[in-house]
Amino acid sequence: MTKTIIESGMNFGPYPDDDCFELEKSAIYLRIQQGVMMAEFALIRHSPNKPSVIWLVEAKRSSPRPGDQVKFDNFIDEIRQKLTNALHMVIAARLNRHPEAAGDLPLGFNALNLQEEFKLVLVINGHQMAWLPPLQDALRAALSTLCKTFGLKPTSVAVINDQLAQSHGLI
């Protein structure tokens, strides 16, 4: 069976049910959501002859431009919180820290090796390529502490548009 996620005007997937964890619709999140921002979904990406990578994906229809510093900073902080919380929730669920984890986690996540790489991804629908680098730099800086404490590479943070998401097989 497969799963397609419709978010921010994009159709993500189809993905194998066992490899896609819809975070915002999970029983865990429904219980803890008060005051907790969350990314859309987590996805285990398999590649032949390479270790699997767990993608944590947040989708948006637009973003503020860096010129409006207050809106831009608030936007980056919101995305930082969502992706950080997503990483924490996936790991906490895999460690059975929530009573709903057994019923929530897809089979692929139940067997997940927590030593796999994680990729924190923001996908912005219809965004121009030239607008991506300032967002990429700001989000990478905002998530630098998380990357350091979890031993993630700086390249683990990505800001892409719908065209790049399609080339990566996300949509």
N, C-alpha and C. Protein backbone atom coordinates (compact mmCIF):
# COMPACT_ATOMS: atom_id res chain seq x y z
N MET A 1 0.84 -1.18 0.00
CA MET A 1 0.00 0.00 0.00
C MET A 1 0.89 1.25 0.00
N THR A 2 0.33 2.31 -0.54
CA THR A 2 1.07 3.57 -0.59
C THR A 2 0.25 4.69 0.02
N LYS A 3 0.94 5.78 0.27
CA LYS A 3 0.33 6.94 0.91
C LYS A 3 0.76 8.19 0.14
N THR A 4 -0.19 9.08 -0.10
CA THR A 4 0.08 10.39 -0.70
C THR A 4 -0.36 11.45 0.31
N ILE A 5 0.48 12.46 0.48
CA ILE A 5 0.20 13.53 1.42
C ILE A 5 0.01 14.82 0.63
N ILE A 6 -1.14 15.44 0.79
CA ILE A 6 -1.43 16.70 0.11
C ILE A 6 -1.23 17.82 1.11
N GLU A 7 -0.28 18.69 0.81
CA GLU A 7 0.06 19.77 1.73
C GLU A 7 0.60 20.96 0.96
N SER A 8 0.12 22.15 1.30
CA SER A 8 0.59 23.42 0.72
C SER A 8 0.56 23.39 -0.81
N GLY A 9 -0.48 22.80 -1.36
CA GLY A 9 -0.66 22.77 -2.80
C GLY A 9 0.23 21.77 -3.53
N MET A 10 0.84 20.85 -2.80
CA MET A 10 1.72 19.84 -3.40
C MET A 10 1.25 18.45 -3.00
N ASN A 11 1.42 17.50 -3.91
CA ASN A 11 1.11 16.10 -3.63
C ASN A 11 2.43 15.36 -3.39
N PHE A 12 2.68 15.04 -2.13
CA PHE A 12 3.90 14.32 -1.77
C PHE A 12 3.62 12.83 -1.87
N GLY A 13 4.50 12.12 -2.55
CA GLY A 13 4.35 10.68 -2.69
C GLY A 13 4.02 10.29 -4.11
N PRO A 14 3.51 9.09 -4.27
CA PRO A 14 3.14 8.13 -3.24
C PRO A 14 4.37 7.47 -2.61
N TYR A 15 4.23 7.16 -1.31
CA TYR A 15 5.28 6.52 -0.54
C TYR A 15 4.75 5.20 0.01
N PRO A 16 5.64 4.24 0.22
CA PRO A 16 5.19 3.01 0.90
C PRO A 16 4.68 3.36 2.30
N ASP A 17 3.54 2.79 2.67
CA ASP A 17 2.96 3.04 3.99
C ASP A 17 3.95 2.81 5.12
N ASP A 18 4.78 1.77 4.98
CA ASP A 18 5.71 1.41 6.05
C ASP A 18 6.83 2.43 6.25
N ASP A 19 7.06 3.28 5.25
CA ASP A 19 8.19 4.23 5.30
C ASP A 19 7.76 5.68 5.50
N CYS A 20 6.46 5.93 5.68
CA CYS A 20 5.96 7.29 5.80
C CYS A 20 5.17 7.44 7.10
N PHE A 21 5.59 8.40 7.92
CA PHE A 21 4.96 8.66 9.22
C PHE A 21 4.38 10.06 9.17
N GLU A 22 3.05 10.15 9.08
CA GLU A 22 2.38 11.45 9.05
C GLU A 22 2.34 12.01 10.48
N LEU A 23 3.28 12.85 10.77
CA LEU A 23 3.47 13.35 12.13
C LEU A 23 2.28 14.13 12.64
N GLU A 24 1.77 15.04 11.82
CA GLU A 24 0.66 15.89 12.28
C GLU A 24 -0.64 15.12 12.50
N LYS A 25 -0.76 13.95 11.89
CA LYS A 25 -1.98 13.15 12.05
C LYS A 25 -1.81 12.01 13.04
N SER A 26 -0.63 11.91 13.63
CA SER A 26 -0.36 10.79 14.53
C SER A 26 -1.09 10.96 15.86
N ALA A 27 -1.38 9.85 16.51
CA ALA A 27 -2.02 9.87 17.82
C ALA A 27 -1.12 10.55 18.85
N ILE A 28 0.18 10.36 18.70
CA ILE A 28 1.12 11.03 19.62
C ILE A 28 0.94 12.53 19.52
N TYR A 29 1.00 13.05 18.30
CA TYR A 29 0.90 14.51 18.13
C TYR A 29 -0.47 15.03 18.55
N LEU A 30 -1.51 14.30 18.23
CA LEU A 30 -2.84 14.76 18.62
C LEU A 30 -2.96 14.92 20.13
N ARG A 31 -2.22 14.09 20.88
CA ARG A 31 -2.24 14.20 22.34
C ARG A 31 -1.36 15.34 22.84
N ILE A 32 -0.21 15.57 22.23
CA ILE A 32 0.75 16.55 22.76
C ILE A 32 0.74 17.89 22.02
N GLN A 33 -0.14 18.07 21.07
CA GLN A 33 -0.05 19.21 20.14
C GLN A 33 -0.14 20.59 20.78
N GLN A 34 -0.77 20.72 21.94
CA GLN A 34 -0.90 22.03 22.57
C GLN A 34 0.48 22.64 22.79
N GLY A 35 0.77 23.71 22.09
CA GLY A 35 2.04 24.41 22.23
C GLY A 35 3.23 23.76 21.53
N VAL A 36 2.98 22.71 20.75
CA VAL A 36 4.05 22.00 20.05
C VAL A 36 3.81 22.09 18.54
N MET A 37 4.70 22.80 17.85
CA MET A 37 4.60 22.88 16.39
C MET A 37 5.26 21.64 15.79
N MET A 38 4.72 21.17 14.65
CA MET A 38 5.21 19.92 14.09
C MET A 38 5.30 20.01 12.56
N ALA A 39 6.32 19.36 12.03
CA ALA A 39 6.47 19.21 10.58
C ALA A 39 5.40 18.25 10.07
N GLU A 40 5.24 18.21 8.74
CA GLU A 40 4.19 17.40 8.14
C GLU A 40 4.43 15.89 8.31
N PHE A 41 5.60 15.42 7.87
CA PHE A 41 5.81 13.98 7.88
C PHE A 41 7.29 13.62 7.92
N ALA A 42 7.53 12.35 8.26
CA ALA A 42 8.87 11.77 8.22
C ALA A 42 8.83 10.66 7.18
N LEU A 43 9.91 10.51 6.46
CA LEU A 43 9.97 9.56 5.35
C LEU A 43 11.32 8.85 5.36
N ILE A 44 11.29 7.53 5.31
CA ILE A 44 12.53 6.76 5.18
C ILE A 44 12.81 6.61 3.69
N ARG A 45 13.95 7.15 3.26
CA ARG A 45 14.36 7.07 1.84
C ARG A 45 15.43 5.99 1.72
N HIS A 46 15.16 5.01 0.88
CA HIS A 46 16.09 3.90 0.64
C HIS A 46 16.81 4.13 -0.68
N SER A 47 18.10 3.87 -0.70
CA SER A 47 18.90 3.94 -1.91
C SER A 47 19.73 2.67 -2.00
N PRO A 48 19.83 2.10 -3.21
CA PRO A 48 20.65 0.90 -3.33
C PRO A 48 22.10 1.17 -2.94
N ASN A 49 22.67 0.26 -2.19
CA ASN A 49 24.08 0.31 -1.76
C ASN A 49 24.43 1.52 -0.91
N LYS A 50 23.43 2.16 -0.31
CA LYS A 50 23.67 3.30 0.58
C LYS A 50 22.79 3.13 1.81
N PRO A 51 23.22 3.73 2.92
CA PRO A 51 22.35 3.68 4.12
C PRO A 51 21.06 4.49 3.87
N SER A 52 20.02 4.10 4.55
CA SER A 52 18.76 4.84 4.45
C SER A 52 18.93 6.21 5.08
N VAL A 53 18.09 7.14 4.65
CA VAL A 53 18.08 8.50 5.20
C VAL A 53 16.64 8.81 5.60
N ILE A 54 16.47 9.36 6.79
CA ILE A 54 15.15 9.74 7.27
C ILE A 54 14.96 11.23 6.98
N TRP A 55 14.01 11.53 6.12
CA TRP A 55 13.70 12.92 5.77
C TRP A 55 12.56 13.40 6.66
N LEU A 56 12.75 14.55 7.28
CA LEU A 56 11.70 15.22 8.03
C LEU A 56 11.29 16.42 7.19
N VAL A 57 10.01 16.47 6.80
CA VAL A 57 9.58 17.43 5.79
C VAL A 57 8.53 18.38 6.33
N GLU A 58 8.77 19.66 6.11
CA GLU A 58 7.80 20.73 6.38
C GLU A 58 7.52 21.39 5.03
N ALA A 59 6.25 21.63 4.74
CA ALA A 59 5.85 22.22 3.46
C ALA A 59 5.17 23.57 3.71
N LYS A 60 5.46 24.52 2.82
CA LYS A 60 4.86 25.86 2.90
C LYS A 60 4.48 26.33 1.51
N ARG A 61 3.48 27.19 1.45
CA ARG A 61 3.07 27.79 0.18
C ARG A 61 3.93 28.99 -0.20
N SER A 62 4.53 29.64 0.80
CA SER A 62 5.32 30.85 0.54
C SER A 62 6.22 31.11 1.74
N SER A 63 7.06 32.12 1.60
CA SER A 63 7.90 32.55 2.72
C SER A 63 8.12 34.06 2.60
N PRO A 64 8.36 34.72 3.72
CA PRO A 64 8.68 36.14 3.65
C PRO A 64 10.07 36.34 3.08
N ARG A 65 10.29 37.48 2.49
CA ARG A 65 11.61 37.80 1.96
C ARG A 65 12.51 38.28 3.09
N PRO A 66 13.82 38.09 2.91
CA PRO A 66 14.74 38.52 3.98
C PRO A 66 14.68 40.01 4.30
N GLY A 67 14.15 40.85 3.40
CA GLY A 67 14.08 42.30 3.63
C GLY A 67 13.21 42.68 4.81
N ASP A 68 12.14 41.92 5.06
CA ASP A 68 11.28 42.15 6.22
C ASP A 68 11.81 41.27 7.35
N GLN A 69 12.79 41.79 8.09
CA GLN A 69 13.57 40.98 9.02
C GLN A 69 12.74 40.34 10.11
N VAL A 70 11.75 41.04 10.64
CA VAL A 70 10.95 40.48 11.72
C VAL A 70 10.14 39.28 11.22
N LYS A 71 9.44 39.44 10.09
CA LYS A 71 8.67 38.33 9.53
C LYS A 71 9.58 37.18 9.12
N PHE A 72 10.72 37.51 8.52
CA PHE A 72 11.68 36.49 8.09
C PHE A 72 12.19 35.70 9.29
N ASP A 73 12.62 36.39 10.34
CA ASP A 73 13.14 35.73 11.54
C ASP A 73 12.07 34.86 12.20
N ASN A 74 10.84 35.35 12.27
CA ASN A 74 9.74 34.57 12.85
C ASN A 74 9.46 33.32 12.03
N PHE A 75 9.51 33.45 10.71
CA PHE A 75 9.29 32.31 9.81
C PHE A 75 10.37 31.25 10.04
N ILE A 76 11.62 31.67 10.06
CA ILE A 76 12.74 30.74 10.26
C ILE A 76 12.62 30.06 11.62
N ASP A 77 12.25 30.82 12.65
CA ASP A 77 12.10 30.23 13.98
C ASP A 77 10.96 29.20 14.01
N GLU A 78 9.87 29.48 13.33
CA GLU A 78 8.76 28.52 13.26
C GLU A 78 9.21 27.22 12.59
N ILE A 79 9.93 27.33 11.48
CA ILE A 79 10.40 26.14 10.78
C ILE A 79 11.41 25.38 11.65
N ARG A 80 12.28 26.11 12.34
CA ARG A 80 13.25 25.48 13.25
C ARG A 80 12.52 24.66 14.31
N GLN A 81 11.49 25.25 14.90
CA GLN A 81 10.73 24.54 15.94
C GLN A 81 10.06 23.29 15.38
N LYS A 82 9.45 23.41 14.22
CA LYS A 82 8.74 22.27 13.63
C LYS A 82 9.69 21.12 13.30
N LEU A 83 10.82 21.43 12.70
CA LEU A 83 11.77 20.38 12.32
C LEU A 83 12.46 19.78 13.55
N THR A 84 12.77 20.62 14.53
CA THR A 84 13.37 20.12 15.77
C THR A 84 12.39 19.20 16.49
N ASN A 85 11.14 19.63 16.62
CA ASN A 85 10.13 18.81 17.28
C ASN A 85 9.88 17.50 16.53
N ALA A 86 9.92 17.57 15.21
CA ALA A 86 9.73 16.35 14.40
C ALA A 86 10.84 15.35 14.68
N LEU A 87 12.08 15.81 14.71
CA LEU A 87 13.20 14.92 15.00
C LEU A 87 13.04 14.31 16.39
N HIS A 88 12.73 15.13 17.35
CA HIS A 88 12.55 14.64 18.72
C HIS A 88 11.40 13.63 18.81
N MET A 89 10.29 13.92 18.13
CA MET A 89 9.14 13.03 18.23
C MET A 89 9.40 11.68 17.55
N VAL A 90 10.07 11.70 16.40
CA VAL A 90 10.38 10.44 15.72
C VAL A 90 11.27 9.57 16.61
N ILE A 91 12.28 10.18 17.17
CA ILE A 91 13.20 9.41 18.03
C ILE A 91 12.48 8.95 19.31
N ALA A 92 11.69 9.82 19.92
CA ALA A 92 10.95 9.44 21.14
C ALA A 92 9.96 8.31 20.85
N ALA A 93 9.30 8.38 19.69
CA ALA A 93 8.36 7.32 19.32
C ALA A 93 9.11 6.00 19.10
N ARG A 94 10.23 6.07 18.42
CA ARG A 94 11.03 4.86 18.18
C ARG A 94 11.53 4.26 19.48
N LEU A 95 11.78 5.09 20.49
CA LEU A 95 12.22 4.62 21.80
C LEU A 95 11.04 4.25 22.71
N ASN A 96 9.82 4.28 22.15
CA ASN A 96 8.59 3.95 22.89
C ASN A 96 8.37 4.83 24.12
N ARG A 97 8.68 6.11 23.99
CA ARG A 97 8.50 7.05 25.09
C ARG A 97 7.05 7.53 25.21
N HIS A 98 6.23 7.20 24.21
CA HIS A 98 4.81 7.59 24.22
C HIS A 98 3.95 6.32 24.16
N PRO A 99 2.86 6.29 24.90
CA PRO A 99 2.02 5.08 24.88
C PRO A 99 1.42 4.78 23.51
N GLU A 100 1.27 5.78 22.66
CA GLU A 100 0.68 5.58 21.34
C GLU A 100 1.67 5.06 20.31
N ALA A 101 2.95 5.02 20.65
CA ALA A 101 4.00 4.69 19.67
C ALA A 101 3.78 3.35 18.99
N ALA A 102 3.39 2.34 19.73
CA ALA A 102 3.23 1.01 19.15
C ALA A 102 2.20 1.01 18.03
N GLY A 103 1.13 1.74 18.19
CA GLY A 103 0.10 1.79 17.15
C GLY A 103 0.34 2.86 16.10
N ASP A 104 1.15 3.85 16.42
CA ASP A 104 1.40 4.98 15.53
C ASP A 104 2.47 4.71 14.48
N LEU A 105 3.56 4.11 14.91
CA LEU A 105 4.72 4.00 14.04
C LEU A 105 4.50 2.99 12.91
N PRO A 106 4.76 3.41 11.67
CA PRO A 106 4.73 2.46 10.56
C PRO A 106 5.85 1.43 10.75
N LEU A 107 5.72 0.28 10.13
CA LEU A 107 6.67 -0.81 10.30
C LEU A 107 8.11 -0.40 10.04
N GLY A 108 8.34 0.40 9.01
CA GLY A 108 9.70 0.84 8.71
C GLY A 108 10.33 1.61 9.85
N PHE A 109 9.55 2.38 10.55
CA PHE A 109 10.05 3.17 11.68
C PHE A 109 10.25 2.30 12.91
N ASN A 110 9.45 1.25 13.06
CA ASN A 110 9.65 0.32 14.18
C ASN A 110 11.00 -0.38 14.08
N ALA A 111 11.46 -0.60 12.85
CA ALA A 111 12.74 -1.28 12.63
C ALA A 111 13.88 -0.29 12.41
N LEU A 112 13.60 0.97 12.59
CA LEU A 112 14.55 2.02 12.28
C LEU A 112 15.82 1.94 13.12
N ASN A 113 16.94 2.02 12.43
CA ASN A 113 18.24 2.12 13.09
C ASN A 113 18.47 3.61 13.34
N LEU A 114 18.54 4.01 14.57
CA LEU A 114 18.67 5.44 14.89
C LEU A 114 20.03 6.01 14.51
N GLN A 115 20.92 5.18 14.00
CA GLN A 115 22.21 5.68 13.52
C GLN A 115 22.13 6.14 12.07
N GLU A 116 20.98 5.97 11.43
CA GLU A 116 20.81 6.44 10.05
C GLU A 116 20.91 7.97 10.02
N GLU A 117 21.16 8.50 8.85
CA GLU A 117 21.21 9.95 8.67
C GLU A 117 19.80 10.52 8.69
N PHE A 118 19.71 11.76 9.15
CA PHE A 118 18.46 12.51 9.10
C PHE A 118 18.66 13.71 8.19
N LYS A 119 17.61 14.07 7.45
CA LYS A 119 17.65 15.25 6.60
C LYS A 119 16.43 16.10 6.97
N LEU A 120 16.66 17.36 7.31
CA LEU A 120 15.61 18.30 7.71
C LEU A 120 15.31 19.19 6.52
N VAL A 121 14.10 19.07 5.98
CA VAL A 121 13.79 19.68 4.68
C VAL A 121 12.57 20.59 4.75
N LEU A 122 12.75 21.79 4.24
CA LEU A 122 11.64 22.72 4.03
C LEU A 122 11.38 22.79 2.54
N VAL A 123 10.14 22.53 2.13
CA VAL A 123 9.74 22.60 0.72
C VAL A 123 8.77 23.76 0.58
N ILE A 124 9.10 24.72 -0.31
CA ILE A 124 8.24 25.88 -0.52
C ILE A 124 7.70 25.84 -1.94
N ASN A 125 6.40 25.73 -2.05
CA ASN A 125 5.74 25.61 -3.35
C ASN A 125 5.87 26.90 -4.16
N GLY A 126 6.29 26.77 -5.41
CA GLY A 126 6.35 27.91 -6.32
C GLY A 126 7.45 28.91 -6.04
N HIS A 127 8.37 28.60 -5.17
CA HIS A 127 9.44 29.52 -4.81
C HIS A 127 10.48 29.58 -5.92
N GLN A 128 10.97 30.76 -6.21
CA GLN A 128 12.01 30.91 -7.23
C GLN A 128 13.34 30.40 -6.69
N MET A 129 14.14 29.81 -7.57
CA MET A 129 15.45 29.27 -7.17
C MET A 129 16.32 30.34 -6.52
N ALA A 130 16.27 31.56 -7.02
CA ALA A 130 17.12 32.64 -6.51
C ALA A 130 16.76 33.01 -5.07
N TRP A 131 15.56 32.69 -4.64
CA TRP A 131 15.13 33.03 -3.28
C TRP A 131 15.52 31.97 -2.26
N LEU A 132 15.99 30.82 -2.70
CA LEU A 132 16.29 29.72 -1.79
C LEU A 132 17.56 29.93 -0.93
N PRO A 133 18.67 30.43 -1.50
CA PRO A 133 19.90 30.52 -0.69
C PRO A 133 19.79 31.31 0.62
N PRO A 134 19.14 32.48 0.67
CA PRO A 134 19.04 33.17 1.96
C PRO A 134 18.26 32.35 3.00
N LEU A 135 17.22 31.66 2.56
CA LEU A 135 16.44 30.81 3.46
C LEU A 135 17.28 29.62 3.92
N GLN A 136 18.00 29.03 2.98
CA GLN A 136 18.88 27.90 3.30
C GLN A 136 19.91 28.31 4.37
N ASP A 137 20.55 29.44 4.15
CA ASP A 137 21.57 29.92 5.09
C ASP A 137 20.97 30.20 6.47
N ALA A 138 19.82 30.86 6.49
CA ALA A 138 19.19 31.22 7.77
C ALA A 138 18.70 29.98 8.52
N LEU A 139 18.11 29.03 7.80
CA LEU A 139 17.62 27.82 8.45
C LEU A 139 18.78 26.95 8.93
N ARG A 140 19.82 26.86 8.14
CA ARG A 140 21.00 26.09 8.56
C ARG A 140 21.60 26.70 9.84
N ALA A 141 21.67 28.03 9.90
CA ALA A 141 22.19 28.70 11.11
C ALA A 141 21.27 28.44 12.30
N ALA A 142 19.96 28.52 12.08
CA ALA A 142 19.00 28.31 13.17
C ALA A 142 19.04 26.88 13.70
N LEU A 143 19.37 25.93 12.84
CA LEU A 143 19.40 24.52 13.24
C LEU A 143 20.80 24.02 13.55
N SER A 144 21.77 24.93 13.60
CA SER A 144 23.17 24.50 13.79
C SER A 144 23.38 23.79 15.14
N THR A 145 22.74 24.27 16.19
CA THR A 145 22.88 23.64 17.50
C THR A 145 22.30 22.23 17.47
N LEU A 146 21.14 22.07 16.87
CA LEU A 146 20.53 20.75 16.75
C LEU A 146 21.43 19.82 15.95
N CYS A 147 21.98 20.32 14.85
CA CYS A 147 22.87 19.50 14.02
C CYS A 147 24.11 19.08 14.81
N LYS A 148 24.65 20.00 15.61
CA LYS A 148 25.83 19.67 16.41
C LYS A 148 25.51 18.62 17.48
N THR A 149 24.41 18.82 18.20
CA THR A 149 24.11 17.91 19.30
C THR A 149 23.70 16.52 18.82
N PHE A 150 23.10 16.44 17.64
CA PHE A 150 22.71 15.14 17.09
C PHE A 150 23.76 14.57 16.13
N GLY A 151 24.86 15.30 15.94
CA GLY A 151 25.91 14.82 15.04
C GLY A 151 25.47 14.79 13.59
N LEU A 152 24.60 15.72 13.21
CA LEU A 152 24.15 15.81 11.82
C LEU A 152 25.10 16.69 11.02
N LYS A 153 25.25 16.36 9.77
CA LYS A 153 26.09 17.17 8.89
C LYS A 153 25.38 18.50 8.60
N PRO A 154 26.13 19.58 8.34
CA PRO A 154 25.48 20.84 7.95
C PRO A 154 24.62 20.67 6.70
N THR A 155 24.98 19.73 5.84
CA THR A 155 24.21 19.48 4.62
C THR A 155 22.91 18.72 4.91
N SER A 156 22.66 18.40 6.18
CA SER A 156 21.43 17.73 6.57
C SER A 156 20.23 18.67 6.54
N VAL A 157 20.47 19.96 6.41
CA VAL A 157 19.40 20.96 6.35
C VAL A 157 19.26 21.43 4.91
N ALA A 158 18.03 21.37 4.39
CA ALA A 158 17.82 21.78 3.00
C ALA A 158 16.54 22.59 2.87
N VAL A 159 16.61 23.63 2.05
CA VAL A 159 15.43 24.40 1.66
C VAL A 159 15.32 24.25 0.15
N ILE A 160 14.19 23.69 -0.30
CA ILE A 160 13.99 23.43 -1.72
C ILE A 160 12.62 23.92 -2.15
N ASN A 161 12.45 24.08 -3.44
CA ASN A 161 11.14 24.44 -3.97
C ASN A 161 10.47 23.20 -4.56
N ASP A 162 9.29 23.38 -5.14
CA ASP A 162 8.55 22.26 -5.70
C ASP A 162 9.29 21.58 -6.85
N GLN A 163 10.03 22.36 -7.64
CA GLN A 163 10.80 21.76 -8.75
C GLN A 163 11.88 20.83 -8.23
N LEU A 164 12.62 21.29 -7.23
CA LEU A 164 13.67 20.44 -6.64
C LEU A 164 13.06 19.25 -5.91
N ALA A 165 11.92 19.46 -5.26
CA ALA A 165 11.24 18.35 -4.59
C ALA A 165 10.84 17.29 -5.59
N GLN A 166 10.40 17.71 -6.76
CA GLN A 166 10.04 16.75 -7.80
C GLN A 166 11.29 16.00 -8.29
N SER A 167 12.41 16.71 -8.46
CA SER A 167 13.62 16.05 -8.92
C SER A 167 14.16 15.07 -7.87
N HIS A 168 13.85 15.30 -6.59
CA HIS A 168 14.25 14.38 -5.51
C HIS A 168 13.23 13.27 -5.29
N GLY A 169 12.17 13.27 -6.07
CA GLY A 169 11.15 12.23 -5.93
C GLY A 169 10.22 12.40 -4.75
N LEU A 170 10.16 13.63 -4.21
CA LEU A 170 9.25 13.88 -3.08
C LEU A 170 7.82 14.12 -3.55
N ILE A 171 7.69 14.85 -4.65
CA ILE A 171 6.34 15.13 -5.20
C ILE A 171 6.27 14.68 -6.65
